[in-house]
Amino acid sequence: PRAAQPPPLSLPDKLDDPPAEFVCPISHQVMSDPVVGPAGISYEREALRQWLSVRKIDPTTQASLDMGDVYANFSLRGLIARWAAGQSGGGVIFGGGGASGGGGASGGGGASG
C-alpha cells in the first residue's frame, strides 16, 4: 500500500532561475507535487495526469505509462521546498502538516523541450 499523499507545496508566484531538475518537462513550471515514473523521470502530478488522460505513454520515453506506475518523489519535493524557501525568505507552505525532507535528487527531471 502507498503512503498517504500530502497536498502539493504552496510555492511563491515568482521563483527565479530554478534548477532544471525542479521543472516539470510537461508544464515547464517548478513542481509542487512531483511524481517519478519507472524511467526515473519526474513530472508534476497534475500535468502528468492530464497528459495521460489523452495519451497513455511517458512524455519523455514514449513507453507505455499510467498513473498507477508513478510514485510521489518525496526527495525531490523536499529539495524543491528548501530551494523555494530560500528564494522567498521562507514562505513555502508544506501541505499535510509538515515537511517531507529528503536526501538526494532521486529521479530528477528531464530536459524541457
N, C-alpha and C. Protein backbone atom coordinates (compact mmCIF):
# COMPACT_ATOMS: atom_id res chain seq x y z
N PRO A 1 0.83 -1.20 0.00
CA PRO A 1 0.00 0.00 0.00
C PRO A 1 0.87 1.25 0.00
N ARG A 2 0.39 2.25 -0.70
CA ARG A 2 1.13 3.51 -0.79
C ARG A 2 0.83 4.40 0.40
N ALA A 3 1.81 5.21 0.75
CA ALA A 3 1.63 6.18 1.84
C ALA A 3 0.65 7.26 1.38
N ALA A 4 -0.02 7.87 2.34
CA ALA A 4 -0.94 8.97 2.03
C ALA A 4 -0.16 10.09 1.37
N GLN A 5 -0.74 10.66 0.34
CA GLN A 5 -0.09 11.72 -0.41
C GLN A 5 -0.44 13.08 0.18
N PRO A 6 0.56 13.86 0.62
CA PRO A 6 0.25 15.21 1.12
C PRO A 6 -0.16 16.11 -0.02
N PRO A 7 -0.85 17.19 0.28
CA PRO A 7 -1.22 18.14 -0.78
C PRO A 7 0.03 18.77 -1.39
N PRO A 8 -0.08 19.33 -2.59
CA PRO A 8 1.08 19.98 -3.21
C PRO A 8 1.63 21.10 -2.35
N LEU A 9 2.91 21.40 -2.53
CA LEU A 9 3.52 22.54 -1.87
C LEU A 9 2.83 23.81 -2.36
N SER A 10 2.74 24.78 -1.50
CA SER A 10 2.24 26.10 -1.90
C SER A 10 3.46 26.97 -2.18
N LEU A 11 3.81 27.10 -3.46
CA LEU A 11 5.01 27.82 -3.85
C LEU A 11 4.71 29.28 -4.14
N PRO A 12 5.70 30.15 -3.90
CA PRO A 12 5.53 31.57 -4.26
C PRO A 12 5.30 31.72 -5.76
N ASP A 13 4.65 32.80 -6.15
CA ASP A 13 4.37 33.04 -7.56
C ASP A 13 5.63 33.25 -8.38
N LYS A 14 6.61 33.91 -7.82
CA LYS A 14 7.82 34.26 -8.56
C LYS A 14 9.02 33.51 -7.99
N LEU A 15 9.58 32.62 -8.79
CA LEU A 15 10.80 31.90 -8.41
C LEU A 15 11.82 32.09 -9.52
N ASP A 16 12.99 32.59 -9.18
CA ASP A 16 14.00 32.92 -10.18
C ASP A 16 14.95 31.76 -10.44
N ASP A 17 15.21 31.49 -11.71
CA ASP A 17 16.22 30.54 -12.16
C ASP A 17 16.18 29.19 -11.43
N PRO A 18 15.08 28.46 -11.53
CA PRO A 18 15.03 27.17 -10.85
C PRO A 18 15.98 26.17 -11.50
N PRO A 19 16.57 25.27 -10.71
CA PRO A 19 17.36 24.20 -11.30
C PRO A 19 16.49 23.39 -12.26
N ALA A 20 17.05 22.93 -13.35
CA ALA A 20 16.30 22.19 -14.38
C ALA A 20 15.59 20.98 -13.79
N GLU A 21 16.17 20.34 -12.79
CA GLU A 21 15.57 19.15 -12.18
C GLU A 21 14.28 19.46 -11.44
N PHE A 22 14.04 20.72 -11.12
CA PHE A 22 12.84 21.13 -10.39
C PHE A 22 11.70 21.49 -11.33
N VAL A 23 11.95 21.53 -12.62
CA VAL A 23 10.97 21.97 -13.61
C VAL A 23 10.36 20.77 -14.31
N CYS A 24 9.04 20.73 -14.35
CA CYS A 24 8.32 19.63 -15.00
C CYS A 24 8.54 19.70 -16.50
N PRO A 25 8.91 18.57 -17.14
CA PRO A 25 9.09 18.57 -18.59
C PRO A 25 7.80 18.77 -19.38
N ILE A 26 6.65 18.63 -18.72
CA ILE A 26 5.36 18.85 -19.40
C ILE A 26 4.92 20.30 -19.24
N SER A 27 4.82 20.76 -18.01
CA SER A 27 4.28 22.10 -17.74
C SER A 27 5.32 23.21 -17.84
N HIS A 28 6.60 22.86 -17.72
CA HIS A 28 7.70 23.82 -17.72
C HIS A 28 7.61 24.77 -16.52
N GLN A 29 6.98 24.28 -15.44
CA GLN A 29 6.87 25.04 -14.19
C GLN A 29 7.57 24.26 -13.08
N VAL A 30 7.97 24.99 -12.02
CA VAL A 30 8.54 24.32 -10.86
C VAL A 30 7.48 23.38 -10.28
N MET A 31 7.87 22.16 -9.99
CA MET A 31 6.92 21.15 -9.50
C MET A 31 6.58 21.39 -8.03
N SER A 32 5.30 21.30 -7.71
CA SER A 32 4.86 21.40 -6.31
C SER A 32 4.41 20.04 -5.79
N ASP A 33 4.20 19.09 -6.69
CA ASP A 33 3.75 17.75 -6.33
C ASP A 33 4.42 16.74 -7.29
N PRO A 34 5.75 16.59 -7.18
CA PRO A 34 6.46 15.75 -8.14
C PRO A 34 6.19 14.26 -7.93
N VAL A 35 6.04 13.57 -9.06
CA VAL A 35 5.95 12.11 -9.06
C VAL A 35 7.04 11.59 -9.99
N VAL A 36 7.47 10.35 -9.76
CA VAL A 36 8.52 9.75 -10.57
C VAL A 36 7.99 8.46 -11.20
N GLY A 37 8.31 8.28 -12.47
CA GLY A 37 7.88 7.10 -13.20
C GLY A 37 8.95 6.04 -13.24
N PRO A 38 8.67 4.92 -13.90
CA PRO A 38 9.60 3.80 -13.95
C PRO A 38 10.95 4.14 -14.58
N ALA A 39 10.99 5.13 -15.46
CA ALA A 39 12.25 5.52 -16.10
C ALA A 39 13.08 6.45 -15.23
N GLY A 40 12.56 6.84 -14.05
CA GLY A 40 13.29 7.72 -13.15
C GLY A 40 13.12 9.19 -13.46
N ILE A 41 12.17 9.53 -14.33
CA ILE A 41 11.93 10.92 -14.70
C ILE A 41 10.76 11.45 -13.88
N SER A 42 10.93 12.65 -13.34
CA SER A 42 9.90 13.25 -12.51
C SER A 42 9.05 14.23 -13.29
N TYR A 43 7.76 14.27 -12.90
CA TYR A 43 6.77 15.15 -13.52
C TYR A 43 5.90 15.74 -12.43
N GLU A 44 5.28 16.88 -12.71
CA GLU A 44 4.23 17.42 -11.84
C GLU A 44 3.03 16.48 -11.93
N ARG A 45 2.49 16.06 -10.80
CA ARG A 45 1.42 15.06 -10.78
C ARG A 45 0.24 15.45 -11.68
N GLU A 46 -0.28 16.65 -11.53
CA GLU A 46 -1.46 17.05 -12.29
C GLU A 46 -1.16 17.17 -13.78
N ALA A 47 0.01 17.67 -14.13
CA ALA A 47 0.38 17.77 -15.55
C ALA A 47 0.46 16.38 -16.17
N LEU A 48 1.03 15.42 -15.44
CA LEU A 48 1.12 14.06 -15.95
C LEU A 48 -0.26 13.41 -16.04
N ARG A 49 -1.11 13.67 -15.05
CA ARG A 49 -2.47 13.13 -15.08
C ARG A 49 -3.21 13.62 -16.34
N GLN A 50 -3.10 14.90 -16.62
CA GLN A 50 -3.74 15.45 -17.82
C GLN A 50 -3.15 14.86 -19.09
N TRP A 51 -1.83 14.74 -19.14
CA TRP A 51 -1.16 14.14 -20.30
C TRP A 51 -1.67 12.73 -20.54
N LEU A 52 -1.71 11.93 -19.46
CA LEU A 52 -2.09 10.53 -19.60
C LEU A 52 -3.59 10.35 -19.87
N SER A 53 -4.39 11.37 -19.63
CA SER A 53 -5.81 11.27 -19.95
C SER A 53 -6.03 11.27 -21.47
N VAL A 54 -5.04 11.77 -22.21
CA VAL A 54 -5.12 11.83 -23.67
C VAL A 54 -4.21 10.78 -24.31
N ARG A 55 -3.01 10.63 -23.76
CA ARG A 55 -2.02 9.69 -24.30
C ARG A 55 -1.61 8.75 -23.18
N LYS A 56 -1.45 7.51 -23.45
CA LYS A 56 -1.09 6.54 -22.41
C LYS A 56 0.40 6.18 -22.48
N ILE A 57 1.23 7.20 -22.77
CA ILE A 57 2.67 6.97 -22.87
C ILE A 57 3.43 8.01 -22.06
N ASP A 58 4.63 7.62 -21.63
CA ASP A 58 5.52 8.53 -20.93
C ASP A 58 5.89 9.66 -21.89
N PRO A 59 5.74 10.92 -21.46
CA PRO A 59 6.02 12.04 -22.36
C PRO A 59 7.47 12.12 -22.82
N THR A 60 8.39 11.57 -22.04
CA THR A 60 9.80 11.65 -22.37
C THR A 60 10.31 10.41 -23.09
N THR A 61 9.95 9.22 -22.59
CA THR A 61 10.49 7.99 -23.15
C THR A 61 9.59 7.35 -24.20
N GLN A 62 8.33 7.75 -24.24
CA GLN A 62 7.31 7.19 -25.14
C GLN A 62 6.93 5.75 -24.78
N ALA A 63 7.36 5.26 -23.62
CA ALA A 63 6.97 3.93 -23.15
C ALA A 63 5.56 3.99 -22.58
N SER A 64 4.87 2.86 -22.58
CA SER A 64 3.53 2.78 -22.00
C SER A 64 3.58 3.21 -20.53
N LEU A 65 2.59 4.00 -20.10
CA LEU A 65 2.58 4.53 -18.74
C LEU A 65 1.16 4.86 -18.32
N ASP A 66 0.83 4.60 -17.05
CA ASP A 66 -0.40 5.11 -16.46
C ASP A 66 -0.10 5.57 -15.04
N MET A 67 -1.04 6.25 -14.42
CA MET A 67 -0.80 6.84 -13.10
C MET A 67 -0.49 5.80 -12.04
N GLY A 68 -0.91 4.57 -12.25
CA GLY A 68 -0.58 3.51 -11.30
C GLY A 68 0.89 3.14 -11.29
N ASP A 69 1.63 3.62 -12.31
CA ASP A 69 3.05 3.32 -12.43
C ASP A 69 3.95 4.36 -11.77
N VAL A 70 3.37 5.45 -11.28
CA VAL A 70 4.18 6.54 -10.72
C VAL A 70 4.03 6.62 -9.21
N TYR A 71 5.05 7.17 -8.58
CA TYR A 71 5.08 7.31 -7.13
C TYR A 71 5.48 8.74 -6.77
N ALA A 72 5.04 9.19 -5.60
CA ALA A 72 5.44 10.50 -5.11
C ALA A 72 6.96 10.54 -4.99
N ASN A 73 7.56 11.62 -5.41
CA ASN A 73 9.00 11.81 -5.30
C ASN A 73 9.25 12.73 -4.11
N PHE A 74 9.27 12.13 -2.90
CA PHE A 74 9.40 12.91 -1.67
C PHE A 74 10.76 13.59 -1.56
N SER A 75 11.81 12.94 -2.06
CA SER A 75 13.14 13.56 -2.00
C SER A 75 13.18 14.83 -2.82
N LEU A 76 12.68 14.77 -4.05
CA LEU A 76 12.66 15.95 -4.90
C LEU A 76 11.75 17.03 -4.32
N ARG A 77 10.62 16.61 -3.78
CA ARG A 77 9.69 17.56 -3.15
C ARG A 77 10.39 18.34 -2.03
N GLY A 78 11.15 17.64 -1.20
CA GLY A 78 11.87 18.29 -0.11
C GLY A 78 12.93 19.26 -0.61
N LEU A 79 13.65 18.85 -1.66
CA LEU A 79 14.67 19.73 -2.24
C LEU A 79 14.04 21.00 -2.82
N ILE A 80 12.93 20.84 -3.52
CA ILE A 80 12.23 21.99 -4.10
C ILE A 80 11.75 22.92 -2.98
N ALA A 81 11.20 22.35 -1.93
CA ALA A 81 10.70 23.16 -0.82
C ALA A 81 11.82 23.97 -0.17
N ARG A 82 12.96 23.33 0.07
CA ARG A 82 14.09 24.06 0.67
C ARG A 82 14.60 25.16 -0.26
N TRP A 83 14.71 24.85 -1.55
CA TRP A 83 15.17 25.84 -2.51
C TRP A 83 14.19 27.01 -2.58
N ALA A 84 12.89 26.72 -2.67
CA ALA A 84 11.88 27.78 -2.77
C ALA A 84 11.85 28.63 -1.51
N ALA A 85 12.05 28.01 -0.34
CA ALA A 85 12.07 28.77 0.91
C ALA A 85 13.22 29.77 0.90
N GLY A 86 14.35 29.38 0.35
CA GLY A 86 15.48 30.29 0.22
C GLY A 86 15.21 31.41 -0.76
N GLN A 87 14.43 31.14 -1.79
CA GLN A 87 14.06 32.14 -2.80
C GLN A 87 13.10 33.16 -2.22
N SER A 88 12.21 32.71 -1.36
CA SER A 88 11.11 33.56 -0.92
C SER A 88 11.26 34.05 0.51
N GLY A 89 12.39 33.78 1.12
CA GLY A 89 12.56 34.19 2.51
C GLY A 89 11.78 33.31 3.47
N GLY A 90 11.54 32.06 3.09
CA GLY A 90 10.91 31.11 3.99
C GLY A 90 9.42 30.98 3.83
N GLY A 91 8.85 31.42 2.71
CA GLY A 91 7.41 31.42 2.56
C GLY A 91 6.78 30.18 1.97
N VAL A 92 7.48 29.05 1.95
CA VAL A 92 6.90 27.84 1.36
C VAL A 92 6.02 27.16 2.39
N ILE A 93 4.83 26.77 1.98
CA ILE A 93 3.90 26.07 2.86
C ILE A 93 3.98 24.58 2.54
N PHE A 94 4.27 23.79 3.54
CA PHE A 94 4.28 22.34 3.38
C PHE A 94 2.88 21.83 3.66
N GLY A 95 2.27 21.16 2.70
CA GLY A 95 0.95 20.60 2.91
C GLY A 95 1.00 19.39 3.81
N GLY A 96 -0.10 19.08 4.45
CA GLY A 96 -0.23 17.85 5.22
C GLY A 96 0.49 17.84 6.54
N GLY A 97 0.79 18.99 7.12
CA GLY A 97 1.28 19.01 8.49
C GLY A 97 2.78 18.89 8.66
N GLY A 98 3.57 19.06 7.62
CA GLY A 98 5.00 19.07 7.85
C GLY A 98 5.78 18.80 6.60
N ALA A 99 7.06 19.04 6.74
CA ALA A 99 7.95 18.84 5.59
C ALA A 99 8.26 17.38 5.43
N SER A 100 8.34 16.95 4.21
CA SER A 100 8.83 15.61 3.95
C SER A 100 10.16 15.79 3.26
N GLY A 101 11.18 15.99 4.04
CA GLY A 101 12.50 16.28 3.52
C GLY A 101 13.03 15.16 2.67
N GLY A 102 14.27 15.19 2.40
CA GLY A 102 14.83 14.14 1.59
C GLY A 102 16.30 14.35 1.42
N GLY A 103 16.96 13.29 1.08
CA GLY A 103 18.38 13.32 0.96
C GLY A 103 18.87 13.67 -0.42
N GLY A 104 18.50 13.04 -1.46
CA GLY A 104 19.10 13.32 -2.75
C GLY A 104 18.03 13.58 -3.78
N ALA A 105 18.46 14.00 -4.93
CA ALA A 105 17.52 14.30 -6.01
C ALA A 105 17.25 13.04 -6.81
N SER A 106 16.68 12.05 -6.19
CA SER A 106 16.37 10.83 -6.93
C SER A 106 15.31 11.12 -7.96
N GLY A 107 15.55 10.65 -9.15
CA GLY A 107 14.56 10.81 -10.21
C GLY A 107 14.41 12.24 -10.68
N GLY A 108 15.49 12.94 -10.88
CA GLY A 108 15.42 14.32 -11.33
C GLY A 108 14.72 14.44 -12.66
N GLY A 109 14.37 15.64 -13.02
CA GLY A 109 13.56 15.89 -14.22
C GLY A 109 14.32 15.71 -15.51
N GLY A 110 13.60 15.77 -16.56
CA GLY A 110 14.17 15.67 -17.90
C GLY A 110 14.36 17.05 -18.50
N ALA A 111 14.88 17.09 -19.68
CA ALA A 111 15.09 18.36 -20.35
C ALA A 111 13.79 18.93 -20.88
N SER A 112 13.67 20.22 -20.82
CA SER A 112 12.48 20.87 -21.37
C SER A 112 12.59 20.90 -22.88
N GLY A 113 11.44 20.76 -23.54
CA GLY A 113 11.56 20.91 -24.96
C GLY A 113 10.54 20.28 -25.75
